[in-house]
Amino acid sequence: MPLHNLQLLLRPTPGGLPNHRHFISTQADQSLRSEFFCDLILQTADGEVSCHQSLLAPLSPLLCSLFSSIHSYAGVHTVVTPISLHTVKSILQVVYTGKVSLR
């Protein structure tokens, strides 16, 4: 992470950290794109995508339960899903960035 990004995030302001939400979203998106620290592969019928259990687990009790059952301290886990790769990538975009792309 570039030092100037960290300085912007930690710059003291009376209202707290105004750039925090943007900073976290940007870093999460960069981590997804680079597959940095990814610990989960979502396998679809037409491809696969790597992602982070820690960002997906809080979304639903079902995902949390699923990830808890495959949890270990090493390695990458694969989860097979009947959802198309395009749909999975669209969902991950919303989770990681908070943005919806209409294509």
PDB file of N, CA and C in Angstrom:
ATOM      1  N   MET A   1       0.852  -1.172   0.000  1.00  0.00           N
ATOM      2  CA  MET A   1       0.000   0.000   0.000  1.00  0.00           C
ATOM      3  C   MET A   1       0.900   1.237   0.000  1.00  0.00           C
ATOM      4  N   PRO A   2       0.688   2.151  -0.923  1.00  0.00           N
ATOM      5  CA  PRO A   2       1.492   3.369  -0.955  1.00  0.00           C
ATOM      6  C   PRO A   2       1.313   4.178   0.327  1.00  0.00           C
ATOM      7  N   LEU A   3       2.404   4.777   0.789  1.00  0.00           N
ATOM      8  CA  LEU A   3       2.387   5.540   2.038  1.00  0.00           C
ATOM      9  C   LEU A   3       1.395   6.689   1.992  1.00  0.00           C
ATOM     10  N   HIS A   4       1.263   7.359   0.852  1.00  0.00           N
ATOM     11  CA  HIS A   4       0.326   8.490   0.788  1.00  0.00           C
ATOM     12  C   HIS A   4      -1.114   8.041   1.017  1.00  0.00           C
ATOM     13  N   ASN A   5      -1.470   6.812   0.601  1.00  0.00           N
ATOM     14  CA  ASN A   5      -2.824   6.294   0.873  1.00  0.00           C
ATOM     15  C   ASN A   5      -3.043   6.133   2.364  1.00  0.00           C
ATOM     16  N   LEU A   6      -2.049   5.600   3.054  1.00  0.00           N
ATOM     17  CA  LEU A   6      -2.159   5.404   4.492  1.00  0.00           C
ATOM     18  C   LEU A   6      -2.229   6.748   5.212  1.00  0.00           C
ATOM     19  N   GLN A   7      -1.458   7.720   4.753  1.00  0.00           N
ATOM     20  CA  GLN A   7      -1.486   9.042   5.371  1.00  0.00           C
ATOM     21  C   GLN A   7      -2.859   9.699   5.186  1.00  0.00           C
ATOM     22  N   LEU A   8      -3.469   9.545   4.018  1.00  0.00           N
ATOM     23  CA  LEU A   8      -4.810  10.095   3.791  1.00  0.00           C
ATOM     24  C   LEU A   8      -5.825   9.435   4.703  1.00  0.00           C
ATOM     25  N   LEU A   9      -5.694   8.132   4.876  1.00  0.00           N
ATOM     26  CA  LEU A   9      -6.620   7.404   5.729  1.00  0.00           C
ATOM     27  C   LEU A   9      -6.502   7.827   7.176  1.00  0.00           C
ATOM     28  N   LEU A  10      -5.287   8.014   7.642  1.00  0.00           N
ATOM     29  CA  LEU A  10      -5.045   8.280   9.054  1.00  0.00           C
ATOM     30  C   LEU A  10      -4.996   9.760   9.408  1.00  0.00           C
ATOM     31  N   ARG A  11      -5.218  10.635   8.440  1.00  0.00           N
ATOM     32  CA  ARG A  11      -5.209  12.067   8.707  1.00  0.00           C
ATOM     33  C   ARG A  11      -6.304  12.398   9.718  1.00  0.00           C
ATOM     34  N   PRO A  12      -5.911  12.972  10.881  1.00  0.00           N
ATOM     35  CA  PRO A  12      -6.930  13.261  11.901  1.00  0.00           C
ATOM     36  C   PRO A  12      -7.887  14.356  11.448  1.00  0.00           C
ATOM     37  N   THR A  13      -9.155  14.125  11.669  1.00  0.00           N
ATOM     38  CA  THR A  13     -10.180  15.126  11.381  1.00  0.00           C
ATOM     39  C   THR A  13     -11.187  15.100  12.516  1.00  0.00           C
ATOM     40  N   PRO A  14     -11.892  16.197  12.743  1.00  0.00           N
ATOM     41  CA  PRO A  14     -12.864  16.235  13.844  1.00  0.00           C
ATOM     42  C   PRO A  14     -13.971  15.187  13.721  1.00  0.00           C
ATOM     43  N   GLY A  15     -14.360  14.824  12.497  1.00  0.00           N
ATOM     44  CA  GLY A  15     -15.459  13.881  12.301  1.00  0.00           C
ATOM     45  C   GLY A  15     -15.021  12.435  12.179  1.00  0.00           C
ATOM     46  N   GLY A  16     -13.759  12.139  12.368  1.00  0.00           N
ATOM     47  CA  GLY A  16     -13.292  10.759  12.233  1.00  0.00           C
ATOM     48  C   GLY A  16     -12.440  10.597  10.990  1.00  0.00           C
ATOM     49  N   LEU A  17     -12.538   9.466  10.353  1.00  0.00           N
ATOM     50  CA  LEU A  17     -11.749   9.162   9.165  1.00  0.00           C
ATOM     51  C   LEU A  17     -12.639   9.205   7.927  1.00  0.00           C
ATOM     52  N   PRO A  18     -12.727  10.362   7.270  1.00  0.00           N
ATOM     53  CA  PRO A  18     -13.663  10.514   6.158  1.00  0.00           C
ATOM     54  C   PRO A  18     -13.324   9.639   4.956  1.00  0.00           C
ATOM     55  N   ASN A  19     -12.089   9.256   4.803  1.00  0.00           N
ATOM     56  CA  ASN A  19     -11.682   8.476   3.641  1.00  0.00           C
ATOM     57  C   ASN A  19     -11.695   6.977   3.916  1.00  0.00           C
ATOM     58  N   HIS A  20     -12.076   6.568   5.114  1.00  0.00           N
ATOM     59  CA  HIS A  20     -11.991   5.164   5.509  1.00  0.00           C
ATOM     60  C   HIS A  20     -12.799   4.246   4.595  1.00  0.00           C
ATOM     61  N   ARG A  21     -14.049   4.564   4.354  1.00  0.00           N
ATOM     62  CA  ARG A  21     -14.913   3.716   3.529  1.00  0.00           C
ATOM     63  C   ARG A  21     -14.358   3.583   2.115  1.00  0.00           C
ATOM     64  N   HIS A  22     -13.927   4.695   1.543  1.00  0.00           N
ATOM     65  CA  HIS A  22     -13.347   4.672   0.197  1.00  0.00           C
ATOM     66  C   HIS A  22     -12.048   3.873   0.197  1.00  0.00           C
ATOM     67  N   PHE A  23     -11.212   4.075   1.194  1.00  0.00           N
ATOM     68  CA  PHE A  23      -9.935   3.378   1.293  1.00  0.00           C
ATOM     69  C   PHE A  23     -10.143   1.866   1.372  1.00  0.00           C
ATOM     70  N   ILE A  24     -11.040   1.414   2.239  1.00  0.00           N
ATOM     71  CA  ILE A  24     -11.298  -0.014   2.404  1.00  0.00           C
ATOM     72  C   ILE A  24     -11.854  -0.600   1.112  1.00  0.00           C
ATOM     73  N   SER A  25     -12.794   0.082   0.506  1.00  0.00           N
ATOM     74  CA  SER A  25     -13.385  -0.392  -0.743  1.00  0.00           C
ATOM     75  C   SER A  25     -12.331  -0.497  -1.840  1.00  0.00           C
ATOM     76  N   THR A  26     -11.489   0.509  -1.962  1.00  0.00           N
ATOM     77  CA  THR A  26     -10.441   0.512  -2.989  1.00  0.00           C
ATOM     78  C   THR A  26      -9.451  -0.623  -2.757  1.00  0.00           C
ATOM     79  N   GLN A  27      -9.022  -0.802  -1.501  1.00  0.00           N
ATOM     80  CA  GLN A  27      -8.063  -1.859  -1.192  1.00  0.00           C
ATOM     81  C   GLN A  27      -8.675  -3.247  -1.404  1.00  0.00           C
ATOM     82  N   ALA A  28      -9.939  -3.415  -1.046  1.00  0.00           N
ATOM     83  CA  ALA A  28     -10.603  -4.704  -1.255  1.00  0.00           C
ATOM     84  C   ALA A  28     -10.702  -5.012  -2.737  1.00  0.00           C
ATOM     85  N   ASP A  29     -11.083  -4.028  -3.535  1.00  0.00           N
ATOM     86  CA  ASP A  29     -11.189  -4.221  -4.978  1.00  0.00           C
ATOM     87  C   ASP A  29      -9.833  -4.573  -5.576  1.00  0.00           C
ATOM     88  N   GLN A  30      -8.772  -3.895  -5.156  1.00  0.00           N
ATOM     89  CA  GLN A  30      -7.430  -4.198  -5.652  1.00  0.00           C
ATOM     90  C   GLN A  30      -7.000  -5.599  -5.243  1.00  0.00           C
ATOM     91  N   SER A  31      -7.358  -6.016  -4.036  1.00  0.00           N
ATOM     92  CA  SER A  31      -7.024  -7.363  -3.578  1.00  0.00           C
ATOM     93  C   SER A  31      -7.748  -8.419  -4.399  1.00  0.00           C
ATOM     94  N   LEU A  32      -8.991  -8.151  -4.751  1.00  0.00           N
ATOM     95  CA  LEU A  32      -9.750  -9.093  -5.578  1.00  0.00           C
ATOM     96  C   LEU A  32      -9.147  -9.183  -6.973  1.00  0.00           C
ATOM     97  N   ARG A  33      -8.846  -8.051  -7.566  1.00  0.00           N
ATOM     98  CA  ARG A  33      -8.297  -8.034  -8.929  1.00  0.00           C
ATOM     99  C   ARG A  33      -6.928  -8.707  -9.009  1.00  0.00           C
ATOM    100  N   SER A  34      -6.108  -8.527  -7.983  1.00  0.00           N
ATOM    101  CA  SER A  34      -4.762  -9.102  -7.988  1.00  0.00           C
ATOM    102  C   SER A  34      -4.728 -10.500  -7.371  1.00  0.00           C
ATOM    103  N   GLU A  35      -5.864 -10.926  -6.800  1.00  0.00           N
ATOM    104  CA  GLU A  35      -5.976 -12.203  -6.096  1.00  0.00           C
ATOM    105  C   GLU A  35      -5.015 -12.266  -4.904  1.00  0.00           C
ATOM    106  N   PHE A  36      -4.744 -11.112  -4.314  1.00  0.00           N
ATOM    107  CA  PHE A  36      -3.850 -11.004  -3.161  1.00  0.00           C
ATOM    108  C   PHE A  36      -4.551 -11.529  -1.915  1.00  0.00           C
ATOM    109  N   PHE A  37      -3.964 -12.500  -1.247  1.00  0.00           N
ATOM    110  CA  PHE A  37      -4.492 -13.126  -0.031  1.00  0.00           C
ATOM    111  C   PHE A  37      -5.828 -13.837  -0.245  1.00  0.00           C
ATOM    112  N   CYS A  38      -6.182 -14.169  -1.475  1.00  0.00           N
ATOM    113  CA  CYS A  38      -7.421 -14.905  -1.722  1.00  0.00           C
ATOM    114  C   CYS A  38      -7.323 -16.290  -1.092  1.00  0.00           C
ATOM    115  N   ASP A  39      -8.388 -16.705  -0.441  1.00  0.00           N
ATOM    116  CA  ASP A  39      -8.388 -18.009   0.218  1.00  0.00           C
ATOM    117  C   ASP A  39      -9.598 -18.845  -0.180  1.00  0.00           C
ATOM    118  N   LEU A  40     -10.259 -18.434  -1.253  1.00  0.00           N
ATOM    119  CA  LEU A  40     -11.448 -19.144  -1.697  1.00  0.00           C
ATOM    120  C   LEU A  40     -11.545 -19.058  -3.217  1.00  0.00           C
ATOM    121  N   ILE A  41     -11.875 -20.173  -3.853  1.00  0.00           N
ATOM    122  CA  ILE A  41     -12.135 -20.196  -5.287  1.00  0.00           C
ATOM    123  C   ILE A  41     -13.594 -20.585  -5.463  1.00  0.00           C
ATOM    124  N   LEU A  42     -14.341 -19.752  -6.169  1.00  0.00           N
ATOM    125  CA  LEU A  42     -15.719 -20.077  -6.508  1.00  0.00           C
ATOM    126  C   LEU A  42     -15.708 -20.670  -7.909  1.00  0.00           C
ATOM    127  N   GLN A  43     -16.002 -21.950  -7.996  1.00  0.00           N
ATOM    128  CA  GLN A  43     -15.984 -22.682  -9.257  1.00  0.00           C
ATOM    129  C   GLN A  43     -17.387 -22.684  -9.845  1.00  0.00           C
ATOM    130  N   THR A  44     -17.518 -22.184 -11.071  1.00  0.00           N
ATOM    131  CA  THR A  44     -18.808 -22.178 -11.763  1.00  0.00           C
ATOM    132  C   THR A  44     -18.718 -23.124 -12.958  1.00  0.00           C
ATOM    133  N   ALA A  45     -19.821 -23.321 -13.647  1.00  0.00           N
ATOM    134  CA  ALA A  45     -19.823 -24.192 -14.821  1.00  0.00           C
ATOM    135  C   ALA A  45     -18.950 -23.631 -15.936  1.00  0.00           C
ATOM    136  N   ASP A  46     -18.783 -22.303 -15.964  1.00  0.00           N
ATOM    137  CA  ASP A  46     -18.048 -21.692 -17.066  1.00  0.00           C
ATOM    138  C   ASP A  46     -16.783 -20.953 -16.627  1.00  0.00           C
ATOM    139  N   GLY A  47     -16.239 -21.282 -15.465  1.00  0.00           N
ATOM    140  CA  GLY A  47     -14.988 -20.668 -15.029  1.00  0.00           C
ATOM    141  C   GLY A  47     -14.869 -20.629 -13.522  1.00  0.00           C
ATOM    142  N   GLU A  48     -13.904 -19.880 -13.052  1.00  0.00           N
ATOM    143  CA  GLU A  48     -13.704 -19.744 -11.614  1.00  0.00           C
ATOM    144  C   GLU A  48     -13.185 -18.364 -11.285  1.00  0.00           C
ATOM    145  N   VAL A  49     -13.377 -17.970 -10.040  1.00  0.00           N
ATOM    146  CA  VAL A  49     -12.895 -16.675  -9.570  1.00  0.00           C
ATOM    147  C   VAL A  49     -12.411 -16.843  -8.132  1.00  0.00           C
ATOM    148  N   SER A  50     -11.307 -16.190  -7.824  1.00  0.00           N
ATOM    149  CA  SER A  50     -10.759 -16.222  -6.467  1.00  0.00           C
ATOM    150  C   SER A  50     -11.306 -15.050  -5.672  1.00  0.00           C
ATOM    151  N   CYS A  51     -11.479 -15.258  -4.361  1.00  0.00           N
ATOM    152  CA  CYS A  51     -12.012 -14.198  -3.504  1.00  0.00           C
ATOM    153  C   CYS A  51     -11.618 -14.461  -2.052  1.00  0.00           C
ATOM    154  N   HIS A  52     -12.212 -13.726  -1.139  1.00  0.00           N
ATOM    155  CA  HIS A  52     -11.848 -13.767   0.280  1.00  0.00           C
ATOM    156  C   HIS A  52     -13.039 -14.188   1.142  1.00  0.00           C
ATOM    157  N   GLN A  53     -12.858 -15.271   1.895  1.00  0.00           N
ATOM    158  CA  GLN A  53     -13.919 -15.741   2.779  1.00  0.00           C
ATOM    159  C   GLN A  53     -14.331 -14.665   3.771  1.00  0.00           C
ATOM    160  N   SER A  54     -13.369 -13.908   4.278  1.00  0.00           N
ATOM    161  CA  SER A  54     -13.652 -12.920   5.324  1.00  0.00           C
ATOM    162  C   SER A  54     -14.576 -11.806   4.850  1.00  0.00           C
ATOM    163  N   LEU A  55     -14.613 -11.540   3.549  1.00  0.00           N
ATOM    164  CA  LEU A  55     -15.528 -10.513   3.040  1.00  0.00           C
ATOM    165  C   LEU A  55     -16.894 -11.089   2.690  1.00  0.00           C
ATOM    166  N   LEU A  56     -16.946 -12.374   2.369  1.00  0.00           N
ATOM    167  CA  LEU A  56     -18.221 -12.979   1.977  1.00  0.00           C
ATOM    168  C   LEU A  56     -18.994 -13.559   3.160  1.00  0.00           C
ATOM    169  N   ALA A  57     -18.295 -14.091   4.158  1.00  0.00           N
ATOM    170  CA  ALA A  57     -18.957 -14.761   5.284  1.00  0.00           C
ATOM    171  C   ALA A  57     -19.975 -13.880   6.013  1.00  0.00           C
ATOM    172  N   PRO A  58     -19.698 -12.603   6.251  1.00  0.00           N
ATOM    173  CA  PRO A  58     -20.682 -11.778   6.969  1.00  0.00           C
ATOM    174  C   PRO A  58     -21.966 -11.494   6.180  1.00  0.00           C
ATOM    175  N   LEU A  59     -22.001 -11.842   4.905  1.00  0.00           N
ATOM    176  CA  LEU A  59     -23.163 -11.518   4.074  1.00  0.00           C
ATOM    177  C   LEU A  59     -24.383 -12.353   4.402  1.00  0.00           C
ATOM    178  N   SER A  60     -24.177 -13.585   4.879  1.00  0.00           N
ATOM    179  CA  SER A  60     -25.333 -14.420   5.182  1.00  0.00           C
ATOM    180  C   SER A  60     -24.938 -15.546   6.121  1.00  0.00           C
ATOM    181  N   PRO A  61     -25.889 -16.001   6.933  1.00  0.00           N
ATOM    182  CA  PRO A  61     -25.608 -17.148   7.803  1.00  0.00           C
ATOM    183  C   PRO A  61     -25.248 -18.396   6.996  1.00  0.00           C
ATOM    184  N   LEU A  62     -25.828 -18.549   5.813  1.00  0.00           N
ATOM    185  CA  LEU A  62     -25.532 -19.705   4.970  1.00  0.00           C
ATOM    186  C   LEU A  62     -24.065 -19.705   4.538  1.00  0.00           C
ATOM    187  N   LEU A  63     -23.582 -18.562   4.052  1.00  0.00           N
ATOM    188  CA  LEU A  63     -22.181 -18.482   3.650  1.00  0.00           C
ATOM    189  C   LEU A  63     -21.254 -18.671   4.849  1.00  0.00           C
ATOM    190  N   CYS A  64     -21.599 -18.067   5.960  1.00  0.00           N
ATOM    191  CA  CYS A  64     -20.783 -18.205   7.169  1.00  0.00           C
ATOM    192  C   CYS A  64     -20.695 -19.673   7.586  1.00  0.00           C
ATOM    193  N   SER A  65     -21.804 -20.363   7.569  1.00  0.00           N
ATOM    194  CA  SER A  65     -21.831 -21.776   7.934  1.00  0.00           C
ATOM    195  C   SER A  65     -21.012 -22.607   6.950  1.00  0.00           C
ATOM    196  N   LEU A  66     -21.172 -22.335   5.668  1.00  0.00           N
ATOM    197  CA  LEU A  66     -20.427 -23.056   4.645  1.00  0.00           C
ATOM    198  C   LEU A  66     -18.922 -22.870   4.833  1.00  0.00           C
ATOM    199  N   PHE A  67     -18.499 -21.626   5.011  1.00  0.00           N
ATOM    200  CA  PHE A  67     -17.073 -21.361   5.147  1.00  0.00           C
ATOM    201  C   PHE A  67     -16.519 -21.907   6.453  1.00  0.00           C
ATOM    202  N   SER A  68     -17.323 -21.899   7.496  1.00  0.00           N
ATOM    203  CA  SER A  68     -16.883 -22.455   8.780  1.00  0.00           C
ATOM    204  C   SER A  68     -16.639 -23.950   8.660  1.00  0.00           C
ATOM    205  N   SER A  69     -17.442 -24.630   7.851  1.00  0.00           N
ATOM    206  CA  SER A  69     -17.291 -26.077   7.714  1.00  0.00           C
ATOM    207  C   SER A  69     -16.055 -26.468   6.912  1.00  0.00           C
ATOM    208  N   ILE A  70     -15.515 -25.546   6.085  1.00  0.00           N
ATOM    209  CA  ILE A  70     -14.325 -25.870   5.299  1.00  0.00           C
ATOM    210  C   ILE A  70     -13.082 -25.147   5.808  1.00  0.00           C
ATOM    211  N   HIS A  71     -13.204 -24.464   6.921  1.00  0.00           N
ATOM    212  CA  HIS A  71     -12.117 -23.631   7.436  1.00  0.00           C
ATOM    213  C   HIS A  71     -10.906 -24.465   7.848  1.00  0.00           C
ATOM    214  N   SER A  72      -9.760 -23.991   7.467  1.00  0.00           N
ATOM    215  CA  SER A  72      -8.495 -24.526   7.966  1.00  0.00           C
ATOM    216  C   SER A  72      -7.514 -23.375   8.003  1.00  0.00           C
ATOM    217  N   TYR A  73      -6.353 -23.620   8.558  1.00  0.00           N
ATOM    218  CA  TYR A  73      -5.386 -22.537   8.702  1.00  0.00           C
ATOM    219  C   TYR A  73      -4.423 -22.439   7.530  1.00  0.00           C
ATOM    220  N   ALA A  74      -4.575 -23.294   6.547  1.00  0.00           N
ATOM    221  CA  ALA A  74      -3.682 -23.225   5.395  1.00  0.00           C
ATOM    222  C   ALA A  74      -4.439 -23.619   4.133  1.00  0.00           C
ATOM    223  N   GLY A  75      -4.021 -23.056   3.037  1.00  0.00           N
ATOM    224  CA  GLY A  75      -4.576 -23.473   1.776  1.00  0.00           C
ATOM    225  C   GLY A  75      -5.740 -22.645   1.287  1.00  0.00           C
ATOM    226  N   VAL A  76      -6.103 -22.928   0.058  1.00  0.00           N
ATOM    227  CA  VAL A  76      -7.213 -22.270  -0.603  1.00  0.00           C
ATOM    228  C   VAL A  76      -8.304 -23.312  -0.783  1.00  0.00           C
ATOM    229  N   HIS A  77      -9.521 -22.933  -0.516  1.00  0.00           N
ATOM    230  CA  HIS A  77     -10.657 -23.850  -0.620  1.00  0.00           C
ATOM    231  C   HIS A  77     -11.467 -23.532  -1.863  1.00  0.00           C
ATOM    232  N   THR A  78     -12.060 -24.555  -2.420  1.00  0.00           N
ATOM    233  CA  THR A  78     -12.895 -24.400  -3.606  1.00  0.00           C
ATOM    234  C   THR A  78     -14.346 -24.711  -3.261  1.00  0.00           C
ATOM    235  N   VAL A  79     -15.233 -23.851  -3.698  1.00  0.00           N
ATOM    236  CA  VAL A  79     -16.668 -24.049  -3.520  1.00  0.00           C
ATOM    237  C   VAL A  79     -17.291 -24.050  -4.910  1.00  0.00           C
ATOM    238  N   VAL A  80     -18.061 -25.078  -5.208  1.00  0.00           N
ATOM    239  CA  VAL A  80     -18.719 -25.192  -6.505  1.00  0.00           C
ATOM    240  C   VAL A  80     -20.096 -24.543  -6.407  1.00  0.00           C
ATOM    241  N   THR A  81     -20.407 -23.723  -7.402  1.00  0.00           N
ATOM    242  CA  THR A  81     -21.698 -23.028  -7.417  1.00  0.00           C
ATOM    243  C   THR A  81     -22.359 -23.178  -8.783  1.00  0.00           C
ATOM    244  N   PRO A  82     -23.683 -23.333  -8.819  1.00  0.00           N
ATOM    245  CA  PRO A  82     -24.385 -23.431 -10.107  1.00  0.00           C
ATOM    246  C   PRO A  82     -24.594 -22.069 -10.781  1.00  0.00           C
ATOM    247  N   ILE A  83     -24.219 -21.004 -10.121  1.00  0.00           N
ATOM    248  CA  ILE A  83     -24.394 -19.648 -10.666  1.00  0.00           C
ATOM    249  C   ILE A  83     -23.337 -19.403 -11.746  1.00  0.00           C
ATOM    250  N   SER A  84     -23.678 -18.664 -12.791  1.00  0.00           N
ATOM    251  CA  SER A  84     -22.738 -18.392 -13.881  1.00  0.00           C
ATOM    252  C   SER A  84     -21.576 -17.523 -13.400  1.00  0.00           C
ATOM    253  N   LEU A  85     -20.463 -17.631 -14.089  1.00  0.00           N
ATOM    254  CA  LEU A  85     -19.283 -16.840 -13.749  1.00  0.00           C
ATOM    255  C   LEU A  85     -19.575 -15.349 -13.816  1.00  0.00           C
ATOM    256  N   HIS A  86     -20.311 -14.929 -14.842  1.00  0.00           N
ATOM    257  CA  HIS A  86     -20.665 -13.510 -14.978  1.00  0.00           C
ATOM    258  C   HIS A  86     -21.445 -13.011 -13.757  1.00  0.00           C
ATOM    259  N   THR A  87     -22.406 -13.816 -13.302  1.00  0.00           N
ATOM    260  CA  THR A  87     -23.215 -13.432 -12.147  1.00  0.00           C
ATOM    261  C   THR A  87     -22.371 -13.388 -10.882  1.00  0.00           C
ATOM    262  N   VAL A  88     -21.504 -14.377 -10.689  1.00  0.00           N
ATOM    263  CA  VAL A  88     -20.628 -14.400  -9.509  1.00  0.00           C
ATOM    264  C   VAL A  88     -19.727 -13.174  -9.502  1.00  0.00           C
ATOM    265  N   LYS A  89     -19.154 -12.834 -10.647  1.00  0.00           N
ATOM    266  CA  LYS A  89     -18.286 -11.647 -10.722  1.00  0.00           C
ATOM    267  C   LYS A  89     -19.074 -10.368 -10.432  1.00  0.00           C
ATOM    268  N   SER A  90     -20.311 -10.303 -10.892  1.00  0.00           N
ATOM    269  CA  SER A  90     -21.149  -9.131 -10.622  1.00  0.00           C
ATOM    270  C   SER A  90     -21.445  -9.001  -9.130  1.00  0.00           C
ATOM    271  N   ILE A  91     -21.744 -10.127  -8.481  1.00  0.00           N
ATOM    272  CA  ILE A  91     -22.002 -10.124  -7.039  1.00  0.00           C
ATOM    273  C   ILE A  91     -20.757  -9.688  -6.285  1.00  0.00           C
ATOM    274  N   LEU A  92     -19.606 -10.226  -6.676  1.00  0.00           N
ATOM    275  CA  LEU A  92     -18.356  -9.858  -5.998  1.00  0.00           C
ATOM    276  C   LEU A  92     -18.035  -8.378  -6.180  1.00  0.00           C
ATOM    277  N   GLN A  93     -18.344  -7.829  -7.349  1.00  0.00           N
ATOM    278  CA  GLN A  93     -18.111  -6.404  -7.573  1.00  0.00           C
ATOM    279  C   GLN A  93     -18.908  -5.572  -6.580  1.00  0.00           C
ATOM    280  N   VAL A  94     -20.151  -5.943  -6.344  1.00  0.00           N
ATOM    281  CA  VAL A  94     -20.981  -5.212  -5.388  1.00  0.00           C
ATOM    282  C   VAL A  94     -20.423  -5.360  -3.977  1.00  0.00           C
ATOM    283  N   VAL A  95     -20.036  -6.582  -3.604  1.00  0.00           N
ATOM    284  CA  VAL A  95     -19.504  -6.831  -2.259  1.00  0.00           C
ATOM    285  C   VAL A  95     -18.208  -6.060  -2.031  1.00  0.00           C
ATOM    286  N   TYR A  96     -17.319  -6.095  -2.992  1.00  0.00           N
ATOM    287  CA  TYR A  96     -16.003  -5.486  -2.816  1.00  0.00           C
ATOM    288  C   TYR A  96     -15.977  -3.982  -3.013  1.00  0.00           C
ATOM    289  N   THR A  97     -16.838  -3.451  -3.859  1.00  0.00           N
ATOM    290  CA  THR A  97     -16.765  -2.010  -4.169  1.00  0.00           C
ATOM    291  C   THR A  97     -18.011  -1.233  -3.790  1.00  0.00           C
ATOM    292  N   GLY A  98     -19.138  -1.934  -3.622  1.00  0.00           N
ATOM    293  CA  GLY A  98     -20.391  -1.248  -3.353  1.00  0.00           C
ATOM    294  C   GLY A  98     -21.002  -0.655  -4.600  1.00  0.00           C
ATOM    295  N   LYS A  99     -20.440  -0.980  -5.767  1.00  0.00           N
ATOM    296  CA  LYS A  99     -20.912  -0.417  -7.028  1.00  0.00           C
ATOM    297  C   LYS A  99     -21.564  -1.504  -7.872  1.00  0.00           C
ATOM    298  N   VAL A 100     -22.629  -1.119  -8.580  1.00  0.00           N
ATOM    299  CA  VAL A 100     -23.322  -2.024  -9.486  1.00  0.00           C
ATOM    300  C   VAL A 100     -23.011  -1.581 -10.916  1.00  0.00           C
ATOM    301  N   SER A 101     -22.610  -2.546 -11.748  1.00  0.00           N
ATOM    302  CA  SER A 101     -22.334  -2.255 -13.148  1.00  0.00           C
ATOM    303  C   SER A 101     -23.435  -2.883 -13.981  1.00  0.00           C
ATOM    304  N   LEU A 102     -24.100  -2.072 -14.779  1.00  0.00           N
ATOM    305  CA  LEU A 102     -25.167  -2.565 -15.650  1.00  0.00           C
ATOM    306  C   LEU A 102     -24.612  -2.726 -17.050  1.00  0.00           C
ATOM    307  N   ARG A 103     -24.397  -3.983 -17.433  1.00  0.00           N
ATOM    308  CA  ARG A 103     -23.852  -4.263 -18.768  1.00  0.00           C
ATOM    309  C   ARG A 103     -24.731  -5.204 -19.501  1.00  0.00           C
TER     310      ARG A 103
END
